Amino acid sequence: MPKARATNQLAFAFEAPRPATHAAALAGMDAEVARTVGEVLATAQANGKPREIAAAEMSVLLNEPITFDMLNAWSAPGKGKHNISFTRMCALVAVTNRFDLLDRELRRIGAAVIVGKELMTVRAGHLRAVIRKNQEELRELERLAPQIGEEREI
């Protein structure tokens, strides 16, 4: 079992993820997701949230029964017939706040996770890029533009 990581130590990368496009790019992902479920549950346990509590909180979010045994089955890489659904994975991430581990899985398909107000940071970066592009365009325009009245004939 992987060593538990403090929940405030996030595994975020700033590199743009590459989409999975080549043959077998996602082969074995079921087992990887099961290991991630196990890692989520292990860190939740280490932080005082046992599987029973995680299952109960997931049940409330999903309005369906989630059991301790279901979590155990979903976290076993060898149980290929017991894969967690995406909806249930989202619920597990929501009740444990392990968005970093969801991010790790989504990067395999070329996506990344931004949580809550982090979106404002992304938006600020986008606006800086737009401003920089507009400033470059303005500098080029100012370089080419004549002074008003400079090219008029009288």
Protein backbone atom coordinates (compact mmCIF):
# COMPACT_ATOMS: atom_id res chain seq x y z
CA MET A 1 0.00 0.00 0.00
CA PRO A 2 1.32 3.47 -0.84
CA LYS A 3 2.59 5.64 1.96
CA ALA A 4 -0.01 8.14 3.15
CA ARG A 5 0.61 11.70 2.08
CA ALA A 6 -0.54 14.73 4.02
CA THR A 7 -3.70 16.10 2.39
CA ASN A 8 -2.14 19.55 2.19
CA GLN A 9 0.71 18.19 0.04
CA LEU A 10 -0.83 18.21 -3.41
CA ALA A 11 0.66 16.57 -6.46
CA PHE A 12 0.02 19.39 -8.93
CA ALA A 13 2.03 19.82 -12.10
CA PHE A 14 2.13 22.93 -14.27
CA GLU A 15 2.91 21.09 -17.49
CA ALA A 16 0.02 20.83 -19.92
CA PRO A 17 -1.13 17.21 -20.00
CA ARG A 18 -1.02 15.39 -23.32
CA PRO A 19 -4.17 13.70 -24.57
CA ALA A 20 -4.18 9.92 -24.77
CA THR A 21 -4.23 9.26 -28.50
CA HIS A 22 -1.99 6.29 -29.30
CA ALA A 23 -3.02 2.64 -29.22
CA ALA A 24 -3.36 1.19 -25.72
CA ALA A 25 -2.73 4.59 -24.11
CA LEU A 26 -5.35 3.82 -21.48
CA ALA A 27 -4.69 0.09 -21.15
CA GLY A 28 -4.52 -0.91 -17.51
CA MET A 29 -6.27 2.22 -16.32
CA ASP A 30 -8.85 0.15 -14.40
CA ALA A 31 -6.10 -1.16 -12.13
CA GLU A 32 -4.57 2.33 -11.82
CA VAL A 33 -7.93 3.79 -10.80
CA ALA A 34 -8.36 1.00 -8.24
CA ARG A 35 -4.93 1.84 -6.79
CA THR A 36 -5.93 5.51 -6.69
CA VAL A 37 -9.14 4.59 -4.84
CA GLY A 38 -6.96 2.68 -2.36
CA GLU A 39 -4.66 5.68 -1.98
CA VAL A 40 -7.61 8.02 -1.43
CA LEU A 41 -9.03 5.70 1.23
CA ALA A 42 -5.64 5.21 2.91
CA THR A 43 -5.02 8.95 3.24
CA ALA A 44 -8.57 9.50 4.44
CA GLN A 45 -8.02 6.84 7.11
CA ALA A 46 -4.70 8.44 8.09
CA ASN A 47 -6.54 11.76 8.48
CA GLY A 48 -9.21 10.29 10.72
CA LYS A 49 -11.89 9.37 8.18
CA PRO A 50 -12.38 5.58 8.14
CA ARG A 51 -13.94 3.83 5.14
CA GLU A 52 -17.27 3.51 6.91
CA ILE A 53 -17.50 7.29 7.25
CA ALA A 54 -16.40 7.87 3.64
CA ALA A 55 -19.03 5.35 2.49
CA ALA A 56 -21.73 7.05 4.55
CA GLU A 57 -20.83 10.50 3.20
CA MET A 58 -20.79 9.15 -0.37
CA SER A 59 -24.22 7.60 0.23
CA VAL A 60 -25.59 11.00 1.20
CA LEU A 61 -24.08 12.72 -1.85
CA LEU A 62 -25.26 10.06 -4.27
CA ASN A 63 -28.57 9.25 -2.58
CA GLU A 64 -27.74 5.55 -2.87
CA PRO A 65 -26.19 3.06 -0.49
CA ILE A 66 -22.39 2.81 -0.58
CA THR A 67 -20.85 0.23 1.73
CA PHE A 68 -17.50 -0.51 3.28
CA ASP A 69 -17.33 -3.68 1.16
CA MET A 70 -17.97 -1.72 -2.03
CA LEU A 71 -15.05 0.59 -1.21
CA ASN A 72 -12.85 -2.44 -0.56
CA ALA A 73 -13.81 -4.00 -3.92
CA TRP A 74 -13.22 -0.76 -5.82
CA SER A 75 -9.78 -0.36 -4.27
CA ALA A 76 -8.58 -3.86 -5.25
CA PRO A 77 -6.67 -3.73 -8.57
CA GLY A 78 -7.17 -7.48 -9.04
CA LYS A 79 -10.97 -7.25 -9.00
CA GLY A 80 -11.52 -6.14 -12.59
CA LYS A 81 -15.26 -6.76 -12.43
CA HIS A 82 -15.67 -4.32 -9.53
CA ASN A 83 -14.66 -1.01 -11.11
CA ILE A 84 -15.78 2.24 -9.55
CA SER A 85 -18.05 4.38 -11.75
CA PHE A 86 -16.98 7.91 -12.58
CA THR A 87 -19.88 9.29 -10.55
CA ARG A 88 -18.83 7.32 -7.50
CA MET A 89 -15.18 8.29 -8.01
CA CYS A 90 -16.26 11.94 -8.04
CA ALA A 91 -18.21 11.40 -4.81
CA LEU A 92 -15.18 9.73 -3.20
CA VAL A 93 -12.94 12.63 -4.22
CA ALA A 94 -15.52 15.13 -2.94
CA VAL A 95 -15.81 13.54 0.52
CA THR A 96 -12.04 13.15 0.91
CA ASN A 97 -10.88 16.35 -0.83
CA ARG A 98 -8.26 14.39 -2.81
CA PHE A 99 -8.64 16.44 -5.98
CA ASP A 100 -4.92 16.00 -6.59
CA LEU A 101 -5.44 12.28 -7.16
CA LEU A 102 -8.34 12.90 -9.53
CA ASP A 103 -6.05 15.33 -11.34
CA ARG A 104 -3.41 12.61 -11.67
CA GLU A 105 -5.92 10.27 -13.31
CA LEU A 106 -7.39 12.91 -15.62
CA ARG A 107 -3.94 13.94 -16.85
CA ARG A 108 -3.77 10.53 -18.53
CA ILE A 109 -6.44 11.75 -20.97
CA GLY A 110 -5.07 15.28 -21.36
CA ALA A 111 -7.16 17.10 -18.75
CA ALA A 112 -6.43 18.68 -15.36
CA VAL A 113 -8.41 19.60 -12.26
CA ILE A 114 -8.86 23.15 -11.00
CA VAL A 115 -10.71 23.38 -7.69
CA GLY A 116 -12.93 26.20 -6.48
CA LYS A 117 -11.35 29.63 -6.37
CA GLU A 118 -8.22 28.30 -8.11
CA LEU A 119 -10.21 29.07 -11.24
CA MET A 120 -9.67 32.78 -10.50
CA THR A 121 -5.90 32.17 -10.66
CA VAL A 122 -6.31 30.52 -14.05
CA ARG A 123 -8.52 33.36 -15.25
CA ALA A 124 -5.98 35.95 -14.03
CA GLY A 125 -3.26 34.16 -15.99
CA HIS A 126 -5.45 34.12 -19.07
CA LEU A 127 -6.17 37.84 -18.72
CA ARG A 128 -2.43 38.56 -18.35
CA ALA A 129 -1.83 36.67 -21.61
CA VAL A 130 -4.60 38.62 -23.37
CA ILE A 131 -3.22 41.93 -22.06
CA ARG A 132 0.31 40.98 -23.16
CA LYS A 133 -0.97 40.09 -26.66
CA ASN A 134 -2.95 43.34 -26.87
CA GLN A 135 0.07 45.37 -25.72
CA GLU A 136 2.20 43.74 -28.43
CA GLU A 137 -0.47 44.56 -31.02
CA LEU A 138 -0.66 48.15 -29.74
CA ARG A 139 3.15 48.56 -29.93
CA GLU A 140 3.14 47.28 -33.52
CA LEU A 141 0.24 49.56 -34.44
CA GLU A 142 1.97 52.56 -32.86
CA ARG A 143 5.13 51.73 -34.79
CA LEU A 144 3.26 51.67 -38.11
CA ALA A 145 0.70 54.42 -37.51
CA PRO A 146 1.45 57.92 -38.76
CA GLN A 147 0.94 60.94 -36.61
CA ILE A 148 -2.46 62.52 -37.20
CA GLY A 149 -2.20 65.02 -40.03
CA GLU A 150 1.28 63.83 -41.02
CA GLU A 151 0.25 62.31 -44.35
CA ARG A 152 -2.51 64.76 -45.31
CA GLU A 153 -2.20 67.00 -48.31
CA ILE A 154 -3.15 70.64 -47.85
